[in-house]
PDB file of N, CA and C in Angstrom:
ATOM      1  N   MET A   1       4.644  -1.107 -12.299  1.00  0.00           N
ATOM      2  CA  MET A   1       5.373  -0.318 -11.617  1.00  0.00           C
ATOM      3  C   MET A   1       5.636  -2.039 -10.712  1.00  0.00           C
ATOM      4  N   SER A   2       7.086  -1.979 -10.551  1.00  0.00           N
ATOM      5  CA  SER A   2       7.583  -3.240  -9.700  1.00  0.00           C
ATOM      6  C   SER A   2       8.931  -2.890  -8.632  1.00  0.00           C
ATOM      7  N   GLY A   3       9.173  -4.117  -7.915  1.00  0.00           N
ATOM      8  CA  GLY A   3      10.398  -3.847  -7.074  1.00  0.00           C
ATOM      9  C   GLY A   3       9.531  -2.674  -5.722  1.00  0.00           C
ATOM     10  N   LEU A   4      10.984  -1.905  -5.001  1.00  0.00           N
ATOM     11  CA  LEU A   4      10.678  -1.335  -4.329  1.00  0.00           C
ATOM     12  C   LEU A   4      10.315   0.414  -4.762  1.00  0.00           C
ATOM     13  N   VAL A   5       9.785   0.936  -3.703  1.00  0.00           N
ATOM     14  CA  VAL A   5       9.748   2.455  -4.136  1.00  0.00           C
ATOM     15  C   VAL A   5      10.896   3.058  -4.359  1.00  0.00           C
ATOM     16  N   THR A   6      11.284   3.764  -4.808  1.00  0.00           N
ATOM     17  CA  THR A   6      12.454   4.799  -5.083  1.00  0.00           C
ATOM     18  C   THR A   6      12.087   6.151  -4.325  1.00  0.00           C
ATOM     19  N   GLU A   7      13.095   6.831  -4.337  1.00  0.00           N
ATOM     20  CA  GLU A   7      13.040   8.246  -3.872  1.00  0.00           C
ATOM     21  C   GLU A   7      12.493   8.896  -5.328  1.00  0.00           C
ATOM     22  N   ASP A   8      13.143   8.852  -6.164  1.00  0.00           N
ATOM     23  CA  ASP A   8      12.280   9.144  -7.490  1.00  0.00           C
ATOM     24  C   ASP A   8      11.021   9.231  -7.947  1.00  0.00           C
ATOM     25  N   ASP A   9       9.878   7.997  -7.157  1.00  0.00           N
ATOM     26  CA  ASP A   9       8.979   7.545  -7.321  1.00  0.00           C
ATOM     27  C   ASP A   9       7.966   8.557  -6.769  1.00  0.00           C
ATOM     28  N   LEU A  10       8.784   8.350  -5.253  1.00  0.00           N
ATOM     29  CA  LEU A  10       8.027   9.061  -4.446  1.00  0.00           C
ATOM     30  C   LEU A  10       8.022  10.750  -4.768  1.00  0.00           C
ATOM     31  N   ALA A  11       9.371  11.350  -5.220  1.00  0.00           N
ATOM     32  CA  ALA A  11       9.178  12.677  -5.599  1.00  0.00           C
ATOM     33  C   ALA A  11       8.351  12.749  -6.665  1.00  0.00           C
ATOM     34  N   ARG A  12       7.797  11.868  -7.870  1.00  0.00           N
ATOM     35  CA  ARG A  12       7.135  12.132  -8.252  1.00  0.00           C
ATOM     36  C   ARG A  12       5.245  12.013  -8.047  1.00  0.00           C
ATOM     37  N   ALA A  13       5.457  10.973  -7.008  1.00  0.00           N
ATOM     38  CA  ALA A  13       4.185  10.828  -6.566  1.00  0.00           C
ATOM     39  C   ALA A  13       3.511  12.352  -5.354  1.00  0.00           C
ATOM     40  N   ARG A  14       4.275  13.094  -5.288  1.00  0.00           N
ATOM     41  CA  ARG A  14       4.336  14.344  -4.605  1.00  0.00           C
ATOM     42  C   ARG A  14       3.533  15.453  -5.729  1.00  0.00           C
ATOM     43  N   THR A  15       3.771  15.264  -6.960  1.00  0.00           N
ATOM     44  CA  THR A  15       3.388  16.132  -7.776  1.00  0.00           C
ATOM     45  C   THR A  15       2.589  15.583  -9.066  1.00  0.00           C
ATOM     46  N   ASP A  16       2.385  14.338  -8.996  1.00  0.00           N
ATOM     47  CA  ASP A  16       1.282  13.770  -9.984  1.00  0.00           C
ATOM     48  C   ASP A  16       0.543  12.782  -9.126  1.00  0.00           C
ATOM     49  N   ALA A  17      -0.919  13.346  -9.339  1.00  0.00           N
ATOM     50  CA  ALA A  17      -1.802  12.310  -8.870  1.00  0.00           C
ATOM     51  C   ALA A  17      -2.059  11.527  -9.333  1.00  0.00           C
ATOM     52  N   ALA A  18      -2.421  11.285 -10.610  1.00  0.00           N
ATOM     53  CA  ALA A  18      -2.378  10.009 -11.518  1.00  0.00           C
ATOM     54  C   ALA A  18      -1.397   8.782 -10.918  1.00  0.00           C
ATOM     55  N   PHE A  19       0.042   9.172 -10.772  1.00  0.00           N
ATOM     56  CA  PHE A  19       1.068   8.455 -10.551  1.00  0.00           C
ATOM     57  C   PHE A  19       1.184   8.031  -9.104  1.00  0.00           C
ATOM     58  N   ARG A  20       0.982   9.102  -8.158  1.00  0.00           N
ATOM     59  CA  ARG A  20       0.242   8.894  -7.083  1.00  0.00           C
ATOM     60  C   ARG A  20      -1.003   7.467  -6.437  1.00  0.00           C
ATOM     61  N   GLN A  21      -1.722   7.909  -7.215  1.00  0.00           N
ATOM     62  CA  GLN A  21      -2.965   6.795  -7.076  1.00  0.00           C
ATOM     63  C   GLN A  21      -2.235   5.098  -7.556  1.00  0.00           C
ATOM     64  N   GLN A  22      -1.715   5.529  -8.857  1.00  0.00           N
ATOM     65  CA  GLN A  22      -1.162   4.014  -8.967  1.00  0.00           C
ATOM     66  C   GLN A  22      -0.395   3.251  -8.405  1.00  0.00           C
ATOM     67  N   LEU A  23       0.572   4.018  -7.545  1.00  0.00           N
ATOM     68  CA  LEU A  23       1.701   3.719  -6.609  1.00  0.00           C
ATOM     69  C   LEU A  23       1.091   3.075  -5.459  1.00  0.00           C
ATOM     70  N   PHE A  24       0.080   3.949  -5.091  1.00  0.00           N
ATOM     71  CA  PHE A  24      -0.948   3.499  -4.261  1.00  0.00           C
ATOM     72  C   PHE A  24      -1.550   2.142  -4.253  1.00  0.00           C
ATOM     73  N   VAL A  25      -2.236   2.001  -5.448  1.00  0.00           N
ATOM     74  CA  VAL A  25      -2.689   0.477  -5.852  1.00  0.00           C
ATOM     75  C   VAL A  25      -1.751  -0.744  -5.919  1.00  0.00           C
ATOM     76  N   ASP A  26      -0.758  -0.299  -6.563  1.00  0.00           N
ATOM     77  CA  ASP A  26       0.763  -1.190  -7.100  1.00  0.00           C
ATOM     78  C   ASP A  26       1.058  -1.576  -5.696  1.00  0.00           C
ATOM     79  N   ASN A  27       0.951  -1.141  -4.745  1.00  0.00           N
ATOM     80  CA  ASN A  27       1.789  -1.603  -3.351  1.00  0.00           C
ATOM     81  C   ASN A  27       0.601  -2.159  -2.561  1.00  0.00           C
ATOM     82  N   LEU A  28      -0.428  -1.387  -2.907  1.00  0.00           N
ATOM     83  CA  LEU A  28      -1.228  -2.473  -1.635  1.00  0.00           C
ATOM     84  C   LEU A  28      -1.542  -3.868  -2.411  1.00  0.00           C
ATOM     85  N   GLU A  29      -1.492  -3.635  -3.825  1.00  0.00           N
ATOM     86  CA  GLU A  29      -1.802  -5.507  -4.512  1.00  0.00           C
ATOM     87  C   GLU A  29      -0.700  -5.942  -3.777  1.00  0.00           C
ATOM     88  N   ARG A  30       0.598  -5.616  -3.593  1.00  0.00           N
ATOM     89  CA  ARG A  30       1.982  -6.188  -2.908  1.00  0.00           C
ATOM     90  C   ARG A  30       1.545  -7.023  -1.672  1.00  0.00           C
ATOM     91  N   LEU A  31       1.075  -5.719  -1.042  1.00  0.00           N
ATOM     92  CA  LEU A  31       0.931  -6.047   0.535  1.00  0.00           C
ATOM     93  C   LEU A  31      -0.187  -7.195   0.548  1.00  0.00           C
ATOM     94  N   LEU A  32      -0.893  -7.364  -0.221  1.00  0.00           N
ATOM     95  CA  LEU A  32      -2.411  -7.773   0.159  1.00  0.00           C
ATOM     96  C   LEU A  32      -1.551  -9.424  -0.006  1.00  0.00           C
ATOM     97  N   GLU A  33      -0.772  -9.263  -1.617  1.00  0.00           N
ATOM     98  CA  GLU A  33      -0.483 -10.849  -1.797  1.00  0.00           C
ATOM     99  C   GLU A  33       0.167 -11.555  -0.671  1.00  0.00           C
ATOM    100  N   ALA A  34       1.409 -10.386  -0.163  1.00  0.00           N
ATOM    101  CA  ALA A  34       2.486 -10.620   0.733  1.00  0.00           C
ATOM    102  C   ALA A  34       1.323 -11.367   2.219  1.00  0.00           C
ATOM    103  N   LEU A  35       0.633 -10.727   2.466  1.00  0.00           N
ATOM    104  CA  LEU A  35      -0.652 -11.360   3.462  1.00  0.00           C
ATOM    105  C   LEU A  35      -0.785 -12.875   3.036  1.00  0.00           C
ATOM    106  N   LYS A  36      -1.560 -12.443   2.107  1.00  0.00           N
ATOM    107  CA  LYS A  36      -1.596 -13.732   1.899  1.00  0.00           C
ATOM    108  C   LYS A  36      -1.076 -14.908   2.181  1.00  0.00           C
ATOM    109  N   VAL A  37       0.288 -15.186   1.541  1.00  0.00           N
ATOM    110  CA  VAL A  37       1.294 -16.082   1.583  1.00  0.00           C
ATOM    111  C   VAL A  37       1.638 -16.175   2.923  1.00  0.00           C
ATOM    112  N   MET A  38       1.546 -15.089   4.042  1.00  0.00           N
ATOM    113  CA  MET A  38       2.074 -15.048   5.394  1.00  0.00           C
ATOM    114  C   MET A  38       1.078 -16.340   6.038  1.00  0.00           C
ATOM    115  N   ARG A  39      -0.120 -15.642   5.726  1.00  0.00           N
ATOM    116  CA  ARG A  39      -1.629 -16.440   6.361  1.00  0.00           C
ATOM    117  C   ARG A  39      -1.718 -17.928   6.012  1.00  0.00           C
ATOM    118  N   LYS A  40      -0.951 -18.257   5.101  1.00  0.00           N
ATOM    119  CA  LYS A  40      -1.233 -19.478   4.435  1.00  0.00           C
ATOM    120  C   LYS A  40       0.227 -20.242   5.298  1.00  0.00           C
ATOM    121  N   THR A  41       0.857 -19.876   5.891  1.00  0.00           N
ATOM    122  CA  THR A  41       2.137 -20.906   6.651  1.00  0.00           C
ATOM    123  C   THR A  41       1.393 -21.791   7.498  1.00  0.00           C
ATOM    124  N   ASN A  42       2.027 -22.988   7.490  1.00  0.00           N
ATOM    125  CA  ASN A  42       1.604 -24.059   8.544  1.00  0.00           C
ATOM    126  C   ASN A  42       1.981 -23.822   9.975  1.00  0.00           C
ATOM    127  N   ALA A  43       2.444 -22.895  10.427  1.00  0.00           N
ATOM    128  CA  ALA A  43       2.393 -23.012  11.872  1.00  0.00           C
ATOM    129  C   ALA A  43       3.350 -21.040  12.404  1.00  0.00           C
ATOM    130  N   PRO A  44       1.918 -20.348  12.102  1.00  0.00           N
ATOM    131  CA  PRO A  44       2.449 -19.293  12.091  1.00  0.00           C
ATOM    132  C   PRO A  44       3.248 -18.742  13.898  1.00  0.00           C
ATOM    133  N   THR A  45       4.354 -18.073  13.639  1.00  0.00           N
ATOM    134  CA  THR A  45       4.598 -17.472  14.798  1.00  0.00           C
ATOM    135  C   THR A  45       4.173 -16.287  15.232  1.00  0.00           C
ATOM    136  N   PRO A  46       4.383 -16.138  16.305  1.00  0.00           N
ATOM    137  CA  PRO A  46       3.491 -14.830  17.378  1.00  0.00           C
ATOM    138  C   PRO A  46       4.001 -13.183  16.383  1.00  0.00           C
ATOM    139  N   GLU A  47       5.480 -13.633  15.929  1.00  0.00           N
ATOM    140  CA  GLU A  47       6.245 -12.342  15.615  1.00  0.00           C
ATOM    141  C   GLU A  47       5.302 -12.547  13.985  1.00  0.00           C
ATOM    142  N   ALA A  48       5.152 -13.745  13.281  1.00  0.00           N
ATOM    143  CA  ALA A  48       3.995 -13.455  11.800  1.00  0.00           C
ATOM    144  C   ALA A  48       3.044 -12.989  12.143  1.00  0.00           C
ATOM    145  N   ALA A  49       2.307 -13.183  13.199  1.00  0.00           N
ATOM    146  CA  ALA A  49       1.164 -12.468  13.719  1.00  0.00           C
ATOM    147  C   ALA A  49       1.190 -11.233  13.699  1.00  0.00           C
ATOM    148  N   ARG A  50       1.946 -10.829  14.506  1.00  0.00           N
ATOM    149  CA  ARG A  50       2.337  -9.161  14.655  1.00  0.00           C
ATOM    150  C   ARG A  50       2.499  -8.706  13.304  1.00  0.00           C
ATOM    151  N   GLN A  51       3.315  -9.450  12.114  1.00  0.00           N
ATOM    152  CA  GLN A  51       3.106  -8.812  10.976  1.00  0.00           C
ATOM    153  C   GLN A  51       1.977  -8.730  10.290  1.00  0.00           C
ATOM    154  N   ILE A  52       1.767  -9.826  10.257  1.00  0.00           N
ATOM    155  CA  ILE A  52       0.284  -9.633   9.542  1.00  0.00           C
ATOM    156  C   ILE A  52      -0.833  -8.723  10.207  1.00  0.00           C
ATOM    157  N   ARG A  53      -0.718  -8.393  11.396  1.00  0.00           N
ATOM    158  CA  ARG A  53      -1.536  -7.251  11.895  1.00  0.00           C
ATOM    159  C   ARG A  53      -1.068  -6.439  11.331  1.00  0.00           C
ATOM    160  N   GLU A  54       0.269  -5.898  11.598  1.00  0.00           N
ATOM    161  CA  GLU A  54       0.953  -4.257  11.131  1.00  0.00           C
ATOM    162  C   GLU A  54       0.332  -4.477   8.913  1.00  0.00           C
ATOM    163  N   GLY A  55       0.306  -5.467   8.855  1.00  0.00           N
ATOM    164  CA  GLY A  55       0.074  -5.657   7.199  1.00  0.00           C
ATOM    165  C   GLY A  55      -1.590  -5.067   7.311  1.00  0.00           C
ATOM    166  N   VAL A  56      -2.280  -5.683   7.910  1.00  0.00           N
ATOM    167  CA  VAL A  56      -3.728  -5.510   7.808  1.00  0.00           C
ATOM    168  C   VAL A  56      -3.480  -3.654   7.985  1.00  0.00           C
ATOM    169  N   ASP A  57      -2.908  -3.443   8.793  1.00  0.00           N
ATOM    170  CA  ASP A  57      -3.390  -1.821   9.620  1.00  0.00           C
ATOM    171  C   ASP A  57      -3.031  -1.130   7.933  1.00  0.00           C
ATOM    172  N   LEU A  58      -1.679  -1.319   7.449  1.00  0.00           N
ATOM    173  CA  LEU A  58      -1.663  -0.596   6.630  1.00  0.00           C
ATOM    174  C   LEU A  58      -2.104  -0.831   5.212  1.00  0.00           C
ATOM    175  N   ALA A  59      -2.428  -1.829   4.953  1.00  0.00           N
ATOM    176  CA  ALA A  59      -3.401  -1.983   4.288  1.00  0.00           C
ATOM    177  C   ALA A  59      -4.650  -1.170   4.346  1.00  0.00           C
ATOM    178  N   VAL A  60      -5.565  -0.939   5.226  1.00  0.00           N
ATOM    179  CA  VAL A  60      -6.204  -0.190   5.671  1.00  0.00           C
ATOM    180  C   VAL A  60      -6.082   1.084   5.223  1.00  0.00           C
ATOM    181  N   LYS A  61      -5.008   1.908   5.663  1.00  0.00           N
ATOM    182  CA  LYS A  61      -4.405   3.105   5.424  1.00  0.00           C
ATOM    183  C   LYS A  61      -4.434   3.474   4.192  1.00  0.00           C
ATOM    184  N   LEU A  62      -3.677   2.491   3.163  1.00  0.00           N
ATOM    185  CA  LEU A  62      -3.638   2.594   1.701  1.00  0.00           C
ATOM    186  C   LEU A  62      -5.057   2.658   1.221  1.00  0.00           C
ATOM    187  N   ALA A  63      -5.920   1.688   1.479  1.00  0.00           N
ATOM    188  CA  ALA A  63      -7.552   1.801   1.117  1.00  0.00           C
ATOM    189  C   ALA A  63      -7.990   3.123   1.168  1.00  0.00           C
ATOM    190  N   ASP A  64      -7.665   3.780   2.488  1.00  0.00           N
ATOM    191  CA  ASP A  64      -8.213   5.001   2.603  1.00  0.00           C
ATOM    192  C   ASP A  64      -7.859   5.977   1.967  1.00  0.00           C
ATOM    193  N   ARG A  65      -6.503   5.774   2.004  1.00  0.00           N
ATOM    194  CA  ARG A  65      -6.051   6.847   0.956  1.00  0.00           C
ATOM    195  C   ARG A  65      -6.418   7.059  -0.470  1.00  0.00           C
ATOM    196  N   LEU A  66      -6.282   5.808  -1.302  1.00  0.00           N
ATOM    197  CA  LEU A  66      -7.149   5.318  -2.214  1.00  0.00           C
ATOM    198  C   LEU A  66      -8.625   6.101  -2.634  1.00  0.00           C
ATOM    199  N   GLN A  67      -9.200   5.919  -1.593  1.00  0.00           N
ATOM    200  CA  GLN A  67     -10.725   6.072  -1.430  1.00  0.00           C
ATOM    201  C   GLN A  67     -10.814   7.695  -1.591  1.00  0.00           C
ATOM    202  N   ALA A  68     -10.012   8.037  -0.773  1.00  0.00           N
ATOM    203  CA  ALA A  68      -9.948   9.717  -0.485  1.00  0.00           C
ATOM    204  C   ALA A  68      -9.367  10.877  -1.980  1.00  0.00           C
ATOM    205  N   ALA A  69      -8.540  10.060  -1.905  1.00  0.00           N
ATOM    206  CA  ALA A  69      -8.104  10.342  -3.576  1.00  0.00           C
ATOM    207  C   ALA A  69      -8.834  10.762  -4.493  1.00  0.00           C
ATOM    208  N   SER A  70      -9.514   9.534  -4.459  1.00  0.00           N
ATOM    209  CA  SER A  70     -10.623   8.935  -5.513  1.00  0.00           C
ATOM    210  C   SER A  70     -11.518  10.341  -5.601  1.00  0.00           C
ATOM    211  N   GLN A  71     -12.016  10.519  -4.512  1.00  0.00           N
ATOM    212  CA  GLN A  71     -13.252  11.531  -3.540  1.00  0.00           C
ATOM    213  C   GLN A  71     -12.765  13.191  -3.916  1.00  0.00           C
ATOM    214  N   ASP A  72     -11.089  13.060  -3.876  1.00  0.00           N
ATOM    215  CA  ASP A  72     -11.140  14.645  -3.553  1.00  0.00           C
ATOM    216  C   ASP A  72     -10.740  15.602  -4.958  1.00  0.00           C
ATOM    217  N   PRO A  73     -11.441  16.625  -5.249  1.00  0.00           N
ATOM    218  CA  PRO A  73     -11.232  17.370  -6.524  1.00  0.00           C
ATOM    219  C   PRO A  73      -9.699  17.784  -6.569  1.00  0.00           C
ATOM    220  N   ASP A  74      -9.186  17.735  -5.378  1.00  0.00           N
ATOM    221  CA  ASP A  74      -8.018  18.404  -5.714  1.00  0.00           C
ATOM    222  C   ASP A  74      -6.794  17.740  -6.206  1.00  0.00           C
ATOM    223  N   PRO A  75      -6.093  17.870  -7.339  1.00  0.00           N
ATOM    224  CA  PRO A  75      -5.062  16.917  -7.866  1.00  0.00           C
ATOM    225  C   PRO A  75      -3.889  16.741  -6.755  1.00  0.00           C
ATOM    226  N   GLN A  76      -3.475  18.142  -6.256  1.00  0.00           N
ATOM    227  CA  GLN A  76      -2.293  18.181  -5.292  1.00  0.00           C
ATOM    228  C   GLN A  76      -2.705  17.125  -3.981  1.00  0.00           C
ATOM    229  N   ALA A  77      -3.976  16.780  -3.988  1.00  0.00           N
ATOM    230  CA  ALA A  77      -3.756  16.487  -2.244  1.00  0.00           C
ATOM    231  C   ALA A  77      -3.352  15.526  -1.758  1.00  0.00           C
ATOM    232  N   ALA A  78      -3.158  14.764  -0.549  1.00  0.00           N
ATOM    233  CA  ALA A  78      -3.161  13.267  -0.355  1.00  0.00           C
ATOM    234  C   ALA A  78      -1.489  13.460  -0.323  1.00  0.00           C
TER     235      ALA A  78
END
């Protein structure tokens, strides 16, 4: 999966647990890569620091959802 998430992706993720989990994984990887690039900037601005904090918060939420999905026996959950 590449690019932005589409409405069709979101609709499928609501009904397909395996697709939903892969969507989480793919987007978590993209987010972590973007955070790595932002962290390497020479002179981070206050705005960049805020965006990095928000990205880290989102990464933690995605990781929590991935963990919950892998432990939940109900494929319609999450």
